[in-house]
Amino acid sequence: MTEAGEEAGVDGPSEIRDTAGNVLHDGDSVQVVKDLKVKGRPTSIKVGTKVRNIRLVRDNGDHDIDCKIDGFGAMYLKSSVVRKVL
């Protein structure tokens, strides 16, 4: 019984949307819409960088996407700086 309650809570009103208003899901591919500076790195993540196989996290403050970016490694992103690749 607790499993059904937990599933209903996850799919509830806490949808995560990209900059265009598309609902994001685990495993989606997204594209970065603005340059992002990375602490401790001389280069930044450029506009148009594609990120595949994202994981959504809901308990990490305002960063709600967990992903791995080629050349940068694992990091968290805000949904306000990405758009879904359809």
C-alpha atoms as a PDB file:
ATOM      1  CA  MET A   1       0.000   0.000   0.000  1.00  0.00           C
ATOM      2  CA  THR A   2       2.817   2.430   0.702  1.00  0.00           C
ATOM      3  CA  GLU A   3       4.273   1.915  -2.760  1.00  0.00           C
ATOM      4  CA  ALA A   4       1.085   3.113  -4.465  1.00  0.00           C
ATOM      5  CA  GLY A   5       1.001   6.202  -2.252  1.00  0.00           C
ATOM      6  CA  GLU A   6       4.607   7.026  -3.021  1.00  0.00           C
ATOM      7  CA  GLU A   7       4.048   6.684  -6.750  1.00  0.00           C
ATOM      8  CA  ALA A   8       1.019   8.970  -6.618  1.00  0.00           C
ATOM      9  CA  GLY A   9       3.052  11.599  -4.767  1.00  0.00           C
ATOM     10  CA  VAL A  10       5.881  11.551  -7.323  1.00  0.00           C
ATOM     11  CA  ASP A  11       3.573  12.015 -10.324  1.00  0.00           C
ATOM     12  CA  GLY A  12       1.582  14.747  -8.567  1.00  0.00           C
ATOM     13  CA  PRO A  13       1.836  18.489  -9.091  1.00  0.00           C
ATOM     14  CA  SER A  14       5.652  18.646  -9.068  1.00  0.00           C
ATOM     15  CA  GLU A  15       6.238  18.449 -12.819  1.00  0.00           C
ATOM     16  CA  ILE A  16       9.612  19.702 -13.975  1.00  0.00           C
ATOM     17  CA  ARG A  17       9.455  21.771 -17.170  1.00  0.00           C
ATOM     18  CA  ASP A  18      12.115  23.170 -19.506  1.00  0.00           C
ATOM     19  CA  THR A  19      12.346  26.741 -20.819  1.00  0.00           C
ATOM     20  CA  ALA A  20       9.773  26.030 -23.550  1.00  0.00           C
ATOM     21  CA  GLY A  21       7.273  24.541 -21.078  1.00  0.00           C
ATOM     22  CA  ASN A  22       7.759  20.902 -22.087  1.00  0.00           C
ATOM     23  CA  VAL A  23       7.472  18.362 -19.262  1.00  0.00           C
ATOM     24  CA  LEU A  24      10.784  16.585 -18.613  1.00  0.00           C
ATOM     25  CA  HIS A  25      11.099  12.881 -17.734  1.00  0.00           C
ATOM     26  CA  ASP A  26      13.961  10.632 -16.653  1.00  0.00           C
ATOM     27  CA  GLY A  27      16.002   9.536 -19.667  1.00  0.00           C
ATOM     28  CA  ASP A  28      15.155  12.560 -21.841  1.00  0.00           C
ATOM     29  CA  SER A  29      17.743  14.420 -23.894  1.00  0.00           C
ATOM     30  CA  VAL A  30      18.059  18.178 -23.451  1.00  0.00           C
ATOM     31  CA  GLN A  31      20.054  21.022 -24.958  1.00  0.00           C
ATOM     32  CA  VAL A  32      21.669  23.895 -23.025  1.00  0.00           C
ATOM     33  CA  VAL A  33      20.204  27.285 -24.021  1.00  0.00           C
ATOM     34  CA  LYS A  34      22.862  29.603 -22.515  1.00  0.00           C
ATOM     35  CA  ASP A  35      26.568  29.524 -21.682  1.00  0.00           C
ATOM     36  CA  LEU A  36      27.211  28.112 -18.209  1.00  0.00           C
ATOM     37  CA  LYS A  37      30.368  28.851 -16.240  1.00  0.00           C
ATOM     38  CA  VAL A  38      31.707  25.864 -14.301  1.00  0.00           C
ATOM     39  CA  LYS A  39      33.610  26.442 -11.069  1.00  0.00           C
ATOM     40  CA  GLY A  40      37.218  25.341 -11.262  1.00  0.00           C
ATOM     41  CA  ARG A  41      37.212  24.920 -15.052  1.00  0.00           C
ATOM     42  CA  PRO A  42      38.781  27.304 -17.561  1.00  0.00           C
ATOM     43  CA  THR A  43      36.046  26.582 -20.138  1.00  0.00           C
ATOM     44  CA  SER A  44      32.294  26.903 -19.933  1.00  0.00           C
ATOM     45  CA  ILE A  45      29.435  24.767 -21.193  1.00  0.00           C
ATOM     46  CA  LYS A  46      28.441  26.329 -24.513  1.00  0.00           C
ATOM     47  CA  VAL A  47      24.998  27.026 -25.932  1.00  0.00           C
ATOM     48  CA  GLY A  48      23.712  24.009 -27.841  1.00  0.00           C
ATOM     49  CA  THR A  49      25.537  21.380 -25.794  1.00  0.00           C
ATOM     50  CA  LYS A  50      23.411  18.231 -25.817  1.00  0.00           C
ATOM     51  CA  VAL A  51      22.914  16.266 -22.621  1.00  0.00           C
ATOM     52  CA  ARG A  52      21.532  12.743 -22.896  1.00  0.00           C
ATOM     53  CA  ASN A  53      19.839  10.485 -20.365  1.00  0.00           C
ATOM     54  CA  ILE A  54      19.001  13.020 -17.636  1.00  0.00           C
ATOM     55  CA  ARG A  55      17.736  12.076 -14.186  1.00  0.00           C
ATOM     56  CA  LEU A  56      15.286  14.323 -12.374  1.00  0.00           C
ATOM     57  CA  VAL A  57      15.849  15.133  -8.695  1.00  0.00           C
ATOM     58  CA  ARG A  58      13.308  16.960  -6.585  1.00  0.00           C
ATOM     59  CA  ASP A  59      15.176  17.492  -3.306  1.00  0.00           C
ATOM     60  CA  ASN A  60      18.272  19.384  -4.456  1.00  0.00           C
ATOM     61  CA  GLY A  61      17.211  23.006  -4.084  1.00  0.00           C
ATOM     62  CA  ASP A  62      16.743  24.756  -7.420  1.00  0.00           C
ATOM     63  CA  HIS A  63      18.968  22.342  -9.392  1.00  0.00           C
ATOM     64  CA  ASP A  64      16.555  19.661 -10.542  1.00  0.00           C
ATOM     65  CA  ILE A  65      18.471  17.745 -13.254  1.00  0.00           C
ATOM     66  CA  ASP A  66      21.299  15.287 -12.549  1.00  0.00           C
ATOM     67  CA  CYS A  67      23.378  14.447 -15.626  1.00  0.00           C
ATOM     68  CA  LYS A  68      26.784  13.709 -17.108  1.00  0.00           C
ATOM     69  CA  ILE A  69      28.174  16.108 -19.702  1.00  0.00           C
ATOM     70  CA  ASP A  70      30.931  14.923 -22.016  1.00  0.00           C
ATOM     71  CA  GLY A  71      34.170  16.708 -21.133  1.00  0.00           C
ATOM     72  CA  PHE A  72      32.808  18.032 -17.814  1.00  0.00           C
ATOM     73  CA  GLY A  73      31.555  15.002 -15.882  1.00  0.00           C
ATOM     74  CA  ALA A  74      28.625  14.625 -13.510  1.00  0.00           C
ATOM     75  CA  MET A  75      26.767  17.766 -12.464  1.00  0.00           C
ATOM     76  CA  TYR A  76      23.407  19.263 -11.576  1.00  0.00           C
ATOM     77  CA  LEU A  77      21.564  21.679 -13.875  1.00  0.00           C
ATOM     78  CA  LYS A  78      18.546  23.906 -13.510  1.00  0.00           C
ATOM     79  CA  SER A  79      15.599  23.163 -15.769  1.00  0.00           C
ATOM     80  CA  SER A  80      15.505  26.891 -16.593  1.00  0.00           C
ATOM     81  CA  VAL A  81      18.698  26.606 -18.687  1.00  0.00           C
ATOM     82  CA  VAL A  82      17.729  23.635 -20.876  1.00  0.00           C
ATOM     83  CA  ARG A  83      15.159  22.734 -23.493  1.00  0.00           C
ATOM     84  CA  LYS A  84      13.971  19.275 -24.434  1.00  0.00           C
ATOM     85  CA  VAL A  85      15.292  17.793 -27.676  1.00  0.00           C
ATOM     86  CA  LEU A  86      12.293  16.339 -29.477  1.00  0.00           C
END
